[in-house]
Amino acid sequence: MPDMMRAMVLDTGAHRLQPAMLPIPEPGRGQVRLKILACGVCRTDLHVVDGDLTEPKQHVVPGHEIVGTVEAVGEGVDPGRIGRRVGVPWLGHTCGVCSYCAETRENLCDAPKFTGYTIDGGYAEYCVADTGYIFDLPERYDDLHAAPLLCAGLIGYRSWNMVRAAERLAIFGFGAAAHIVAQVASAKGQQVFAFTRPGDVEAQNFARDLGAVWAGGSDERPDAPLDAAIIFAPVGALVPAALRAVRKGATVVCAGIHMSEIPAFPYDILWHERTVRSVANLTRSDGEAFMQLAGEVAIDTHVRPYPLEEANAALEDLRAGRLSGAAVLIP
C-alpha cells in the first residue's frame, strides 16, 4: 500500500481548493480508515470554501457525504468491520457529556467536530472516521447514488420530519436536498409544491418529474395557502416569501447551515401562530431512521460525477446553479 494519497485541500486565502499529496491517515482508538469510493459535493462545502463558515481546520480536506470501504481499524474496534461499506456524515463527533448530549440533542453539542470542516473529509482517496458516527448504507444504492444520502438526504430528512404531517408541503430551492425530500414526501402521500428561482423552467420541470404537483418561481403563489414549508436555498429573502405562502399555524423550516440576511417583514405574515425554525446538523438516530427509510423507499438520486481533481469545477457548477440533483467526486 502506498504511503501517500491524493487530496484536495482548502487554501483559505484564495477560497479555492488545491491538489495535494498527503500522508494516508492512520486510525486512532475507536476509529476506522476508509478507502473512499465516492464523496458528494454539498452546499455546506461551498460555505466552507467561500469563508461563510469561519473556523475550518487549517488546510482542511472538505467533504462530508462520504461512501467508503473500511480498510483498517484502530484500537478497540472490531476487525470484523474491515471490508464493510459505510457512509460518513457531517456530524463527526460529539462530547457526550454536555447538557444537549444528555438530552439526546447531540446535534446541538457544545463541543462537536464536523467532517470536512474541523475533521478532514472526503475530497481524498482515504479518510478516518469515528466508528460511532458512521452508517451502514442500503444495498439498493451504488456508491455514486448513495453519496447524496449522507447530507442532502440526512438534513433533508431532519427538516421533513418536522413537517411530515403537512398535506401540502412547500419546498423552496430545488437542489440536492429538495430533490430527495420531494420523493420521500410524495411517497408518503404529501403534495409537494416546488418554488425555484424565478424563470428557472428547467428546475421546475425537474421538480414535476419527481412528483411535485405544482412548480413555479419563488415570486409566485399557488391558489391556496400551504400547510408547511422547507427552505433549502440559503436566501434570507425566502423567509417572508414562505410565510406568505403558508396558512395560519404553519411551520417554516430553514434547513441550511448558512443563510443570507433575512429582510424585515410585516408582523401580520408571522401572526396567527406561524412558526419559523431552523435545523442544525443531525443526530445519529436521524441517520439510522433515514437509512432505514431509504432502504424502503426507492429514491432516485440524480448525480453528476466529477474526478477528484475537478472538485473546484463541481463547486462552481453548484454555485452557479448548473446542477440538477447533486455533484459527486470519484477519487
C-alpha atoms as a PDB file:
ATOM      1  CA  MET A   1       0.000   0.000   0.000  1.00  0.00           C
ATOM      2  CA  PRO A   2       1.344   3.498  -0.814  1.00  0.00           C
ATOM      3  CA  ASP A   3       2.219   5.939   1.989  1.00  0.00           C
ATOM      4  CA  MET A   4       0.672   8.998   0.333  1.00  0.00           C
ATOM      5  CA  MET A   5      -2.738   9.859  -1.088  1.00  0.00           C
ATOM      6  CA  ARG A   6      -4.248  12.419  -3.422  1.00  0.00           C
ATOM      7  CA  ALA A   7      -6.451  15.060  -1.806  1.00  0.00           C
ATOM      8  CA  MET A   8      -7.996  18.477  -2.431  1.00  0.00           C
ATOM      9  CA  VAL A   9      -7.066  20.944   0.326  1.00  0.00           C
ATOM     10  CA  LEU A  10      -8.588  24.328   1.148  1.00  0.00           C
ATOM     11  CA  ASP A  11      -6.428  27.372   0.508  1.00  0.00           C
ATOM     12  CA  THR A  12      -8.359  29.736   2.767  1.00  0.00           C
ATOM     13  CA  GLY A  13      -6.701  32.854   1.419  1.00  0.00           C
ATOM     14  CA  ALA A  14      -7.686  32.073  -2.156  1.00  0.00           C
ATOM     15  CA  HIS A  15     -11.058  30.477  -1.264  1.00  0.00           C
ATOM     16  CA  ARG A  16     -10.120  27.656  -3.588  1.00  0.00           C
ATOM     17  CA  LEU A  17      -9.059  24.025  -3.313  1.00  0.00           C
ATOM     18  CA  GLN A  18      -5.550  22.941  -4.219  1.00  0.00           C
ATOM     19  CA  PRO A  19      -4.437  19.416  -5.158  1.00  0.00           C
ATOM     20  CA  ALA A  20      -2.029  17.909  -2.636  1.00  0.00           C
ATOM     21  CA  MET A  21      -0.267  14.691  -1.720  1.00  0.00           C
ATOM     22  CA  LEU A  22      -0.883  13.894   1.957  1.00  0.00           C
ATOM     23  CA  PRO A  23       0.109  11.009   4.235  1.00  0.00           C
ATOM     24  CA  ILE A  24      -2.554   8.313   4.374  1.00  0.00           C
ATOM     25  CA  PRO A  25      -4.118   8.716   7.840  1.00  0.00           C
ATOM     26  CA  GLU A  26      -3.857   6.019  10.496  1.00  0.00           C
ATOM     27  CA  PRO A  27      -6.992   5.210  12.525  1.00  0.00           C
ATOM     28  CA  GLY A  28      -6.793   6.044  16.215  1.00  0.00           C
ATOM     29  CA  ARG A  29      -8.667   4.440  19.058  1.00  0.00           C
ATOM     30  CA  GLY A  30     -12.311   3.956  18.140  1.00  0.00           C
ATOM     31  CA  GLN A  31     -11.697   4.890  14.505  1.00  0.00           C
ATOM     32  CA  VAL A  32     -11.687   3.209  11.127  1.00  0.00           C
ATOM     33  CA  ARG A  33      -9.824   4.113   7.963  1.00  0.00           C
ATOM     34  CA  LEU A  34     -11.889   4.183   4.789  1.00  0.00           C
ATOM     35  CA  LYS A  35     -10.846   3.806   1.204  1.00  0.00           C
ATOM     36  CA  ILE A  36     -13.137   6.429  -0.330  1.00  0.00           C
ATOM     37  CA  LEU A  37     -15.362   5.275  -3.168  1.00  0.00           C
ATOM     38  CA  ALA A  38     -17.384   8.483  -3.662  1.00  0.00           C
ATOM     39  CA  CYS A  39     -17.941  11.820  -1.930  1.00  0.00           C
ATOM     40  CA  GLY A  40     -20.883  14.126  -2.560  1.00  0.00           C
ATOM     41  CA  VAL A  41     -20.414  17.857  -3.037  1.00  0.00           C
ATOM     42  CA  CYS A  42     -22.666  19.772  -0.666  1.00  0.00           C
ATOM     43  CA  ARG A  43     -23.584  23.446  -0.424  1.00  0.00           C
ATOM     44  CA  THR A  44     -22.016  23.388   3.039  1.00  0.00           C
ATOM     45  CA  ASP A  45     -18.683  22.614   1.336  1.00  0.00           C
ATOM     46  CA  LEU A  46     -19.233  25.768  -0.706  1.00  0.00           C
ATOM     47  CA  HIS A  47     -19.819  27.745   2.502  1.00  0.00           C
ATOM     48  CA  VAL A  48     -16.553  26.352   3.923  1.00  0.00           C
ATOM     49  CA  VAL A  49     -14.570  27.231   0.792  1.00  0.00           C
ATOM     50  CA  ASP A  50     -16.136  30.691   0.476  1.00  0.00           C
ATOM     51  CA  GLY A  51     -15.449  31.523   4.120  1.00  0.00           C
ATOM     52  CA  ASP A  52     -19.092  31.764   5.204  1.00  0.00           C
ATOM     53  CA  LEU A  53     -18.199  29.190   7.875  1.00  0.00           C
ATOM     54  CA  THR A  54     -15.283  30.863   9.555  1.00  0.00           C
ATOM     55  CA  GLU A  55     -13.466  28.264  11.679  1.00  0.00           C
ATOM     56  CA  PRO A  56     -12.270  25.418   9.446  1.00  0.00           C
ATOM     57  CA  LYS A  57      -9.343  23.212  10.397  1.00  0.00           C
ATOM     58  CA  GLN A  58      -6.174  24.607   8.833  1.00  0.00           C
ATOM     59  CA  HIS A  59      -5.651  23.173   5.336  1.00  0.00           C
ATOM     60  CA  VAL A  60      -8.815  21.124   5.748  1.00  0.00           C
ATOM     61  CA  VAL A  61      -9.862  18.462   3.258  1.00  0.00           C
ATOM     62  CA  PRO A  62     -13.587  19.197   2.696  1.00  0.00           C
ATOM     63  CA  GLY A  63     -16.351  16.695   2.051  1.00  0.00           C
ATOM     64  CA  HIS A  64     -18.924  15.049   4.322  1.00  0.00           C
ATOM     65  CA  GLU A  65     -21.033  12.848   2.065  1.00  0.00           C
ATOM     66  CA  ILE A  66     -18.517  10.012   2.088  1.00  0.00           C
ATOM     67  CA  VAL A  67     -19.056   6.469   0.859  1.00  0.00           C
ATOM     68  CA  GLY A  68     -16.134   4.172   1.576  1.00  0.00           C
ATOM     69  CA  THR A  69     -14.948   0.696   2.456  1.00  0.00           C
ATOM     70  CA  VAL A  70     -13.425   0.024   5.868  1.00  0.00           C
ATOM     71  CA  GLU A  71      -9.795  -0.839   5.198  1.00  0.00           C
ATOM     72  CA  ALA A  72      -8.223  -0.701   8.663  1.00  0.00           C
ATOM     73  CA  VAL A  73      -9.402  -0.352  12.270  1.00  0.00           C
ATOM     74  CA  GLY A  74      -7.939   1.346  15.300  1.00  0.00           C
ATOM     75  CA  GLU A  75      -7.643   0.127  18.862  1.00  0.00           C
ATOM     76  CA  GLY A  76     -10.905  -1.074  20.348  1.00  0.00           C
ATOM     77  CA  VAL A  77     -12.659  -1.586  17.002  1.00  0.00           C
ATOM     78  CA  ASP A  78     -13.891  -4.999  15.877  1.00  0.00           C
ATOM     79  CA  PRO A  79     -11.701  -6.181  12.967  1.00  0.00           C
ATOM     80  CA  GLY A  80     -14.845  -7.737  11.529  1.00  0.00           C
ATOM     81  CA  ARG A  81     -15.752  -4.292  10.264  1.00  0.00           C
ATOM     82  CA  ILE A  82     -12.999  -4.497   7.639  1.00  0.00           C
ATOM     83  CA  GLY A  83     -14.478  -4.732   4.159  1.00  0.00           C
ATOM     84  CA  ARG A  84     -17.847  -3.187   5.064  1.00  0.00           C
ATOM     85  CA  ARG A  85     -19.226  -0.298   3.012  1.00  0.00           C
ATOM     86  CA  VAL A  86     -20.279   2.622   5.215  1.00  0.00           C
ATOM     87  CA  GLY A  87     -21.197   6.289   4.983  1.00  0.00           C
ATOM     88  CA  VAL A  88     -19.714   9.245   6.855  1.00  0.00           C
ATOM     89  CA  PRO A  89     -21.922  12.324   7.517  1.00  0.00           C
ATOM     90  CA  TRP A  90     -21.334  15.940   8.603  1.00  0.00           C
ATOM     91  CA  LEU A  91     -21.521  15.218  12.347  1.00  0.00           C
ATOM     92  CA  GLY A  92     -18.208  13.526  13.102  1.00  0.00           C
ATOM     93  CA  HIS A  93     -18.009  13.574  16.904  1.00  0.00           C
ATOM     94  CA  THR A  94     -19.836  14.865  19.981  1.00  0.00           C
ATOM     95  CA  CYS A  95     -18.644  15.290  23.564  1.00  0.00           C
ATOM     96  CA  GLY A  96     -21.295  13.042  25.128  1.00  0.00           C
ATOM     97  CA  VAL A  97     -21.316  14.985  28.414  1.00  0.00           C
ATOM     98  CA  CYS A  98     -22.850  18.435  27.770  1.00  0.00           C
ATOM     99  CA  SER A  99     -26.493  19.133  28.579  1.00  0.00           C
ATOM    100  CA  TYR A 100     -27.519  18.776  24.920  1.00  0.00           C
ATOM    101  CA  CYS A 101     -25.906  15.358  24.565  1.00  0.00           C
ATOM    102  CA  ALA A 102     -27.551  14.310  27.844  1.00  0.00           C
ATOM    103  CA  GLU A 103     -30.921  15.395  26.433  1.00  0.00           C
ATOM    104  CA  THR A 104     -30.398  13.297  23.246  1.00  0.00           C
ATOM    105  CA  ARG A 105     -29.949  16.556  21.306  1.00  0.00           C
ATOM    106  CA  GLU A 106     -26.395  15.809  20.232  1.00  0.00           C
ATOM    107  CA  ASN A 107     -26.899  17.881  17.080  1.00  0.00           C
ATOM    108  CA  LEU A 108     -26.558  20.905  19.406  1.00  0.00           C
ATOM    109  CA  CYS A 109     -23.469  19.571  21.256  1.00  0.00           C
ATOM    110  CA  ASP A 110     -21.256  22.232  22.848  1.00  0.00           C
ATOM    111  CA  ALA A 111     -18.018  20.637  21.599  1.00  0.00           C
ATOM    112  CA  PRO A 112     -18.771  18.912  18.289  1.00  0.00           C
ATOM    113  CA  LYS A 113     -16.482  18.009  15.410  1.00  0.00           C
ATOM    114  CA  PHE A 114     -17.628  18.161  11.815  1.00  0.00           C
ATOM    115  CA  THR A 115     -16.426  16.109   8.870  1.00  0.00           C
ATOM    116  CA  GLY A 116     -14.800  18.196   6.163  1.00  0.00           C
ATOM    117  CA  TYR A 117     -14.700  21.272   8.411  1.00  0.00           C
ATOM    118  CA  THR A 118     -12.946  20.558  11.715  1.00  0.00           C
ATOM    119  CA  ILE A 119     -12.031  16.977  10.690  1.00  0.00           C
ATOM    120  CA  ASP A 120     -10.516  16.130   7.312  1.00  0.00           C
ATOM    121  CA  GLY A 121     -13.198  14.836   4.987  1.00  0.00           C
ATOM    122  CA  GLY A 122     -13.787  13.001   1.770  1.00  0.00           C
ATOM    123  CA  TYR A 123     -12.193  15.033  -1.036  1.00  0.00           C
ATOM    124  CA  ALA A 124      -9.372  12.490  -0.944  1.00  0.00           C
ATOM    125  CA  GLU A 125      -8.549   8.847  -1.513  1.00  0.00           C
ATOM    126  CA  TYR A 126      -8.680   7.910   2.206  1.00  0.00           C
ATOM    127  CA  CYS A 127     -10.066   9.280   5.472  1.00  0.00           C
ATOM    128  CA  VAL A 128     -10.545   8.220   9.081  1.00  0.00           C
ATOM    129  CA  ALA A 129     -13.829   8.360  10.975  1.00  0.00           C
ATOM    130  CA  ASP A 130     -15.138   7.645  14.472  1.00  0.00           C
ATOM    131  CA  THR A 131     -16.991   4.319  14.436  1.00  0.00           C
ATOM    132  CA  GLY A 132     -19.820   5.821  16.467  1.00  0.00           C
ATOM    133  CA  TYR A 133     -20.630   8.278  13.676  1.00  0.00           C
ATOM    134  CA  ILE A 134     -20.800   6.143  10.545  1.00  0.00           C
ATOM    135  CA  PHE A 135     -23.786   4.428   8.985  1.00  0.00           C
ATOM    136  CA  ASP A 136     -24.409   1.237   7.101  1.00  0.00           C
ATOM    137  CA  LEU A 137     -25.864   2.098   3.690  1.00  0.00           C
ATOM    138  CA  PRO A 138     -28.867   0.496   1.975  1.00  0.00           C
ATOM    139  CA  GLU A 139     -27.663  -2.058  -0.564  1.00  0.00           C
ATOM    140  CA  ARG A 140     -30.060  -0.823  -3.238  1.00  0.00           C
ATOM    141  CA  TYR A 141     -27.848   2.269  -3.890  1.00  0.00           C
ATOM    142  CA  ASP A 142     -24.487   2.072  -5.628  1.00  0.00           C
ATOM    143  CA  ASP A 143     -21.606   4.225  -4.363  1.00  0.00           C
ATOM    144  CA  LEU A 144     -22.330   7.154  -6.672  1.00  0.00           C
ATOM    145  CA  HIS A 145     -26.033   7.344  -5.844  1.00  0.00           C
ATOM    146  CA  ALA A 146     -25.583   6.675  -2.118  1.00  0.00           C
ATOM    147  CA  ALA A 147     -23.306   9.685  -1.548  1.00  0.00           C
ATOM    148  CA  PRO A 148     -26.025  12.408  -1.555  1.00  0.00           C
ATOM    149  CA  LEU A 149     -27.954  10.482   1.096  1.00  0.00           C
ATOM    150  CA  LEU A 150     -25.245  11.375   3.639  1.00  0.00           C
ATOM    151  CA  CYS A 151     -26.148  15.077   3.898  1.00  0.00           C
ATOM    152  CA  ALA A 152     -28.697  16.167   1.307  1.00  0.00           C
ATOM    153  CA  GLY A 153     -30.703  13.167   2.448  1.00  0.00           C
ATOM    154  CA  LEU A 154     -29.996  13.398   6.172  1.00  0.00           C
ATOM    155  CA  ILE A 155     -30.561  17.132   6.632  1.00  0.00           C
ATOM    156  CA  GLY A 156     -33.498  16.881   4.263  1.00  0.00           C
ATOM    157  CA  TYR A 157     -34.934  14.097   6.405  1.00  0.00           C
ATOM    158  CA  ARG A 158     -34.499  16.019   9.667  1.00  0.00           C
ATOM    159  CA  SER A 159     -36.200  19.039   8.085  1.00  0.00           C
ATOM    160  CA  TRP A 160     -39.004  16.965   6.565  1.00  0.00           C
ATOM    161  CA  ASN A 161     -39.578  15.098   9.830  1.00  0.00           C
ATOM    162  CA  MET A 162     -40.619  18.402  11.420  1.00  0.00           C
ATOM    163  CA  VAL A 163     -43.423  18.883   8.880  1.00  0.00           C
ATOM    164  CA  ARG A 164     -44.215  15.321   7.827  1.00  0.00           C
ATOM    165  CA  ALA A 165     -47.868  15.741   8.886  1.00  0.00           C
ATOM    166  CA  ALA A 166     -48.449  18.527   6.332  1.00  0.00           C
ATOM    167  CA  GLU A 167     -50.689  17.558   3.427  1.00  0.00           C
ATOM    168  CA  ARG A 168     -49.488  20.390   1.172  1.00  0.00           C
ATOM    169  CA  LEU A 169     -45.750  20.958   1.553  1.00  0.00           C
ATOM    170  CA  ALA A 170     -43.800  23.855   0.021  1.00  0.00           C
ATOM    171  CA  ILE A 171     -40.117  23.400  -0.840  1.00  0.00           C
ATOM    172  CA  PHE A 172     -38.045  26.499  -1.633  1.00  0.00           C
ATOM    173  CA  GLY A 173     -34.839  25.858  -3.579  1.00  0.00           C
ATOM    174  CA  PHE A 174     -34.869  22.704  -5.659  1.00  0.00           C
ATOM    175  CA  GLY A 175     -31.341  21.343  -5.357  1.00  0.00           C
ATOM    176  CA  ALA A 176     -29.764  18.200  -3.919  1.00  0.00           C
ATOM    177  CA  ALA A 177     -31.696  18.031  -0.638  1.00  0.00           C
ATOM    178  CA  ALA A 178     -35.003  19.102  -2.151  1.00  0.00           C
ATOM    179  CA  HIS A 179     -34.909  16.512  -4.907  1.00  0.00           C
ATOM    180  CA  ILE A 180     -34.582  13.773  -2.270  1.00  0.00           C
ATOM    181  CA  VAL A 181     -37.181  15.206   0.124  1.00  0.00           C
ATOM    182  CA  ALA A 182     -39.697  15.679  -2.690  1.00  0.00           C
ATOM    183  CA  GLN A 183     -39.554  11.975  -3.465  1.00  0.00           C
ATOM    184  CA  VAL A 184     -39.877  10.954   0.188  1.00  0.00           C
ATOM    185  CA  ALA A 185     -42.783  13.346   0.762  1.00  0.00           C
ATOM    186  CA  SER A 186     -44.606  12.173  -2.373  1.00  0.00           C
ATOM    187  CA  ALA A 187     -44.088   8.532  -1.385  1.00  0.00           C
ATOM    188  CA  LYS A 188     -45.688   9.315   1.989  1.00  0.00           C
ATOM    189  CA  GLY A 189     -48.753  10.864   0.362  1.00  0.00           C
ATOM    190  CA  GLN A 190     -47.912  14.565   0.661  1.00  0.00           C
ATOM    191  CA  GLN A 191     -48.470  17.045  -2.134  1.00  0.00           C
ATOM    192  CA  VAL A 192     -45.229  18.870  -2.964  1.00  0.00           C
ATOM    193  CA  PHE A 193     -45.174  22.480  -4.196  1.00  0.00           C
ATOM    194  CA  ALA A 194     -41.730  23.421  -5.558  1.00  0.00           C
ATOM    195  CA  PHE A 195     -40.507  27.030  -5.559  1.00  0.00           C
ATOM    196  CA  THR A 196     -37.430  27.773  -7.683  1.00  0.00           C
ATOM    197  CA  ARG A 197     -35.542  30.809  -8.885  1.00  0.00           C
ATOM    198  CA  PRO A 198     -37.971  32.906 -10.948  1.00  0.00           C
ATOM    199  CA  GLY A 199     -37.900  31.776 -14.560  1.00  0.00           C
ATOM    200  CA  ASP A 200     -35.935  28.556 -13.892  1.00  0.00           C
ATOM    201  CA  VAL A 201     -38.103  26.367 -16.102  1.00  0.00           C
ATOM    202  CA  GLU A 202     -35.573  23.512 -16.083  1.00  0.00           C
ATOM    203  CA  ALA A 203     -35.679  23.227 -12.286  1.00  0.00           C
ATOM    204  CA  GLN A 204     -39.465  23.460 -12.311  1.00  0.00           C
ATOM    205  CA  ASN A 205     -39.752  20.639 -14.846  1.00  0.00           C
ATOM    206  CA  PHE A 206     -37.273  18.609 -12.780  1.00  0.00           C
ATOM    207  CA  ALA A 207     -39.480  19.089  -9.715  1.00  0.00           C
ATOM    208  CA  ARG A 208     -42.577  17.947 -11.594  1.00  0.00           C
ATOM    209  CA  ASP A 209     -40.714  14.882 -12.852  1.00  0.00           C
ATOM    210  CA  LEU A 210     -40.005  13.975  -9.220  1.00  0.00           C
ATOM    211  CA  GLY A 211     -43.642  14.240  -8.166  1.00  0.00           C
ATOM    212  CA  ALA A 212     -44.325  17.909  -7.443  1.00  0.00           C
ATOM    213  CA  VAL A 213     -47.966  18.784  -8.108  1.00  0.00           C
ATOM    214  CA  TRP A 214     -47.058  22.445  -8.661  1.00  0.00           C
ATOM    215  CA  ALA A 215     -43.827  24.198  -9.562  1.00  0.00           C
ATOM    216  CA  GLY A 216     -43.144  27.882 -10.059  1.00  0.00           C
ATOM    217  CA  GLY A 217     -40.893  30.793  -9.175  1.00  0.00           C
ATOM    218  CA  SER A 218     -40.383  31.987  -5.611  1.00  0.00           C
ATOM    219  CA  ASP A 219     -42.249  35.138  -6.654  1.00  0.00           C
ATOM    220  CA  GLU A 220     -45.392  33.106  -7.428  1.00  0.00           C
ATOM    221  CA  ARG A 221     -48.019  31.536  -5.189  1.00  0.00           C
ATOM    222  CA  PRO A 222     -50.369  28.568  -5.601  1.00  0.00           C
ATOM    223  CA  ASP A 223     -54.114  29.129  -5.482  1.00  0.00           C
ATOM    224  CA  ALA A 224     -54.457  28.268  -1.775  1.00  0.00           C
ATOM    225  CA  PRO A 225     -52.220  28.563   1.313  1.00  0.00           C
ATOM    226  CA  LEU A 226     -49.940  25.610   2.055  1.00  0.00           C
ATOM    227  CA  ASP A 227     -49.585  23.638   5.302  1.00  0.00           C
ATOM    228  CA  ALA A 228     -45.810  23.963   5.821  1.00  0.00           C
ATOM    229  CA  ALA A 229     -42.615  24.987   4.067  1.00  0.00           C
ATOM    230  CA  ILE A 230     -38.958  23.967   3.991  1.00  0.00           C
ATOM    231  CA  ILE A 231     -36.364  26.442   2.727  1.00  0.00           C
ATOM    232  CA  PHE A 232     -33.225  24.801   1.341  1.00  0.00           C
ATOM    233  CA  ALA A 233     -31.862  27.762  -0.636  1.00  0.00           C
ATOM    234  CA  PRO A 234     -29.528  29.948   1.516  1.00  0.00           C
ATOM    235  CA  VAL A 235     -31.526  33.074   0.699  1.00  0.00           C
ATOM    236  CA  GLY A 236     -32.928  35.044   3.623  1.00  0.00           C
ATOM    237  CA  ALA A 237     -35.484  36.804   1.427  1.00  0.00           C
ATOM    238  CA  LEU A 238     -37.286  33.472   1.052  1.00  0.00           C
ATOM    239  CA  VAL A 239     -38.364  33.513   4.708  1.00  0.00           C
ATOM    240  CA  PRO A 240     -41.052  36.197   4.232  1.00  0.00           C
ATOM    241  CA  ALA A 241     -41.950  34.617   0.870  1.00  0.00           C
ATOM    242  CA  ALA A 242     -42.553  31.291   2.605  1.00  0.00           C
ATOM    243  CA  LEU A 243     -44.553  32.905   5.406  1.00  0.00           C
ATOM    244  CA  ARG A 244     -46.818  34.487   2.820  1.00  0.00           C
ATOM    245  CA  ALA A 245     -47.327  31.097   1.143  1.00  0.00           C
ATOM    246  CA  VAL A 246     -48.427  29.122   4.232  1.00  0.00           C
ATOM    247  CA  ARG A 247     -51.652  29.025   6.200  1.00  0.00           C
ATOM    248  CA  LYS A 248     -52.323  30.008   9.809  1.00  0.00           C
ATOM    249  CA  GLY A 249     -50.484  27.838  12.352  1.00  0.00           C
ATOM    250  CA  ALA A 250     -47.981  26.594   9.769  1.00  0.00           C
ATOM    251  CA  THR A 251     -44.251  25.993  10.269  1.00  0.00           C
ATOM    252  CA  VAL A 252     -41.483  27.321   8.019  1.00  0.00           C
ATOM    253  CA  VAL A 253     -38.255  25.329   8.385  1.00  0.00           C
ATOM    254  CA  CYS A 254     -34.927  26.964   7.472  1.00  0.00           C
ATOM    255  CA  ALA A 255     -32.804  23.963   6.548  1.00  0.00           C
ATOM    256  CA  GLY A 256     -29.404  25.459   5.707  1.00  0.00           C
ATOM    257  CA  ILE A 257     -26.319  25.878   7.880  1.00  0.00           C
ATOM    258  CA  HIS A 258     -25.853  29.393   6.483  1.00  0.00           C
ATOM    259  CA  MET A 259     -28.322  31.922   5.086  1.00  0.00           C
ATOM    260  CA  SER A 260     -28.073  35.473   3.843  1.00  0.00           C
ATOM    261  CA  GLU A 261     -29.637  38.203   5.964  1.00  0.00           C
ATOM    262  CA  ILE A 262     -33.386  37.895   6.460  1.00  0.00           C
ATOM    263  CA  PRO A 263     -35.052  41.173   5.480  1.00  0.00           C
ATOM    264  CA  ALA A 264     -37.582  42.971   7.660  1.00  0.00           C
ATOM    265  CA  PHE A 265     -41.136  41.823   7.125  1.00  0.00           C
ATOM    266  CA  PRO A 266     -44.558  42.843   8.491  1.00  0.00           C
ATOM    267  CA  TYR A 267     -45.735  41.107  11.631  1.00  0.00           C
ATOM    268  CA  ASP A 268     -49.038  40.124  10.025  1.00  0.00           C
ATOM    269  CA  ILE A 269     -47.403  37.394   7.911  1.00  0.00           C
ATOM    270  CA  LEU A 270     -45.992  35.799  11.101  1.00  0.00           C
ATOM    271  CA  TRP A 271     -49.148  36.337  13.150  1.00  0.00           C
ATOM    272  CA  HIS A 272     -51.776  33.624  13.557  1.00  0.00           C
ATOM    273  CA  GLU A 273     -49.195  31.370  15.218  1.00  0.00           C
ATOM    274  CA  ARG A 274     -46.987  30.739  12.238  1.00  0.00           C
ATOM    275  CA  THR A 275     -43.553  29.450  13.291  1.00  0.00           C
ATOM    276  CA  VAL A 276     -40.094  29.939  11.785  1.00  0.00           C
ATOM    277  CA  ARG A 277     -37.451  27.464  12.951  1.00  0.00           C
ATOM    278  CA  SER A 278     -34.005  26.284  11.934  1.00  0.00           C
ATOM    279  CA  VAL A 279     -32.403  22.878  11.542  1.00  0.00           C
ATOM    280  CA  ALA A 280     -28.922  22.284  12.947  1.00  0.00           C
ATOM    281  CA  ASN A 281     -26.772  19.322  11.986  1.00  0.00           C
ATOM    282  CA  LEU A 282     -28.224  15.860  12.667  1.00  0.00           C
ATOM    283  CA  THR A 283     -28.360  13.175  15.307  1.00  0.00           C
ATOM    284  CA  ARG A 284     -27.265   9.589  14.850  1.00  0.00           C
ATOM    285  CA  SER A 285     -30.865   8.496  15.365  1.00  0.00           C
ATOM    286  CA  ASP A 286     -31.780  10.714  12.378  1.00  0.00           C
ATOM    287  CA  GLY A 287     -29.198   8.850  10.316  1.00  0.00           C
ATOM    288  CA  GLU A 288     -30.390   5.413  11.370  1.00  0.00           C
ATOM    289  CA  ALA A 289     -34.040   6.274  10.722  1.00  0.00           C
ATOM    290  CA  PHE A 290     -33.340   7.820   7.334  1.00  0.00           C
ATOM    291  CA  MET A 291     -31.173   4.933   6.125  1.00  0.00           C
ATOM    292  CA  GLN A 292     -33.972   2.543   7.028  1.00  0.00           C
ATOM    293  CA  LEU A 293     -36.446   4.736   5.155  1.00  0.00           C
ATOM    294  CA  ALA A 294     -34.127   4.988   2.144  1.00  0.00           C
ATOM    295  CA  GLY A 295     -33.989   1.198   2.091  1.00  0.00           C
ATOM    296  CA  GLU A 296     -37.779   1.043   1.916  1.00  0.00           C
ATOM    297  CA  VAL A 297     -38.481   3.953  -0.474  1.00  0.00           C
ATOM    298  CA  ALA A 298     -36.726   3.898  -3.846  1.00  0.00           C
ATOM    299  CA  ILE A 299     -35.100   7.348  -4.005  1.00  0.00           C
ATOM    300  CA  ASP A 300     -33.753   8.268  -7.422  1.00  0.00           C
ATOM    301  CA  THR A 301     -30.751  10.431  -6.556  1.00  0.00           C
ATOM    302  CA  HIS A 302     -29.761  12.432  -9.641  1.00  0.00           C
ATOM    303  CA  VAL A 303     -25.983  12.763  -9.705  1.00  0.00           C
ATOM    304  CA  ARG A 304     -23.238  14.177 -11.894  1.00  0.00           C
ATOM    305  CA  PRO A 305     -19.829  12.539 -11.341  1.00  0.00           C
ATOM    306  CA  TYR A 306     -16.568  14.511 -11.359  1.00  0.00           C
ATOM    307  CA  PRO A 307     -12.979  13.295 -10.966  1.00  0.00           C
ATOM    308  CA  LEU A 308     -11.450  14.254  -7.610  1.00  0.00           C
ATOM    309  CA  GLU A 309      -9.179  16.823  -9.264  1.00  0.00           C
ATOM    310  CA  GLU A 310     -12.225  18.656 -10.665  1.00  0.00           C
ATOM    311  CA  ALA A 311     -13.628  19.496  -7.224  1.00  0.00           C
ATOM    312  CA  ASN A 312     -13.356  23.243  -7.925  1.00  0.00           C
ATOM    313  CA  ALA A 313     -15.390  22.827 -11.125  1.00  0.00           C
ATOM    314  CA  ALA A 314     -18.055  20.892  -9.206  1.00  0.00           C
ATOM    315  CA  LEU A 315     -18.251  23.641  -6.574  1.00  0.00           C
ATOM    316  CA  GLU A 316     -18.513  26.314  -9.256  1.00  0.00           C
ATOM    317  CA  ASP A 317     -21.321  24.428 -11.010  1.00  0.00           C
ATOM    318  CA  LEU A 318     -23.124  24.233  -7.661  1.00  0.00           C
ATOM    319  CA  ARG A 319     -22.578  27.949  -7.011  1.00  0.00           C
ATOM    320  CA  ALA A 320     -23.903  28.872 -10.469  1.00  0.00           C
ATOM    321  CA  GLY A 321     -26.997  26.653 -10.200  1.00  0.00           C
ATOM    322  CA  ARG A 322     -25.957  24.425 -13.096  1.00  0.00           C
ATOM    323  CA  LEU A 323     -26.759  21.160 -11.302  1.00  0.00           C
ATOM    324  CA  SER A 324     -29.978  19.176 -11.250  1.00  0.00           C
ATOM    325  CA  GLY A 325     -29.519  16.978  -8.230  1.00  0.00           C
ATOM    326  CA  ALA A 326     -26.034  16.531  -6.772  1.00  0.00           C
ATOM    327  CA  ALA A 327     -22.375  16.534  -7.793  1.00  0.00           C
ATOM    328  CA  VAL A 328     -20.295  13.565  -6.645  1.00  0.00           C
ATOM    329  CA  LEU A 329     -16.499  13.267  -6.654  1.00  0.00           C
ATOM    330  CA  ILE A 330     -14.955   9.942  -7.636  1.00  0.00           C
ATOM    331  CA  PRO A 331     -11.345   9.616  -6.391  1.00  0.00           C
END
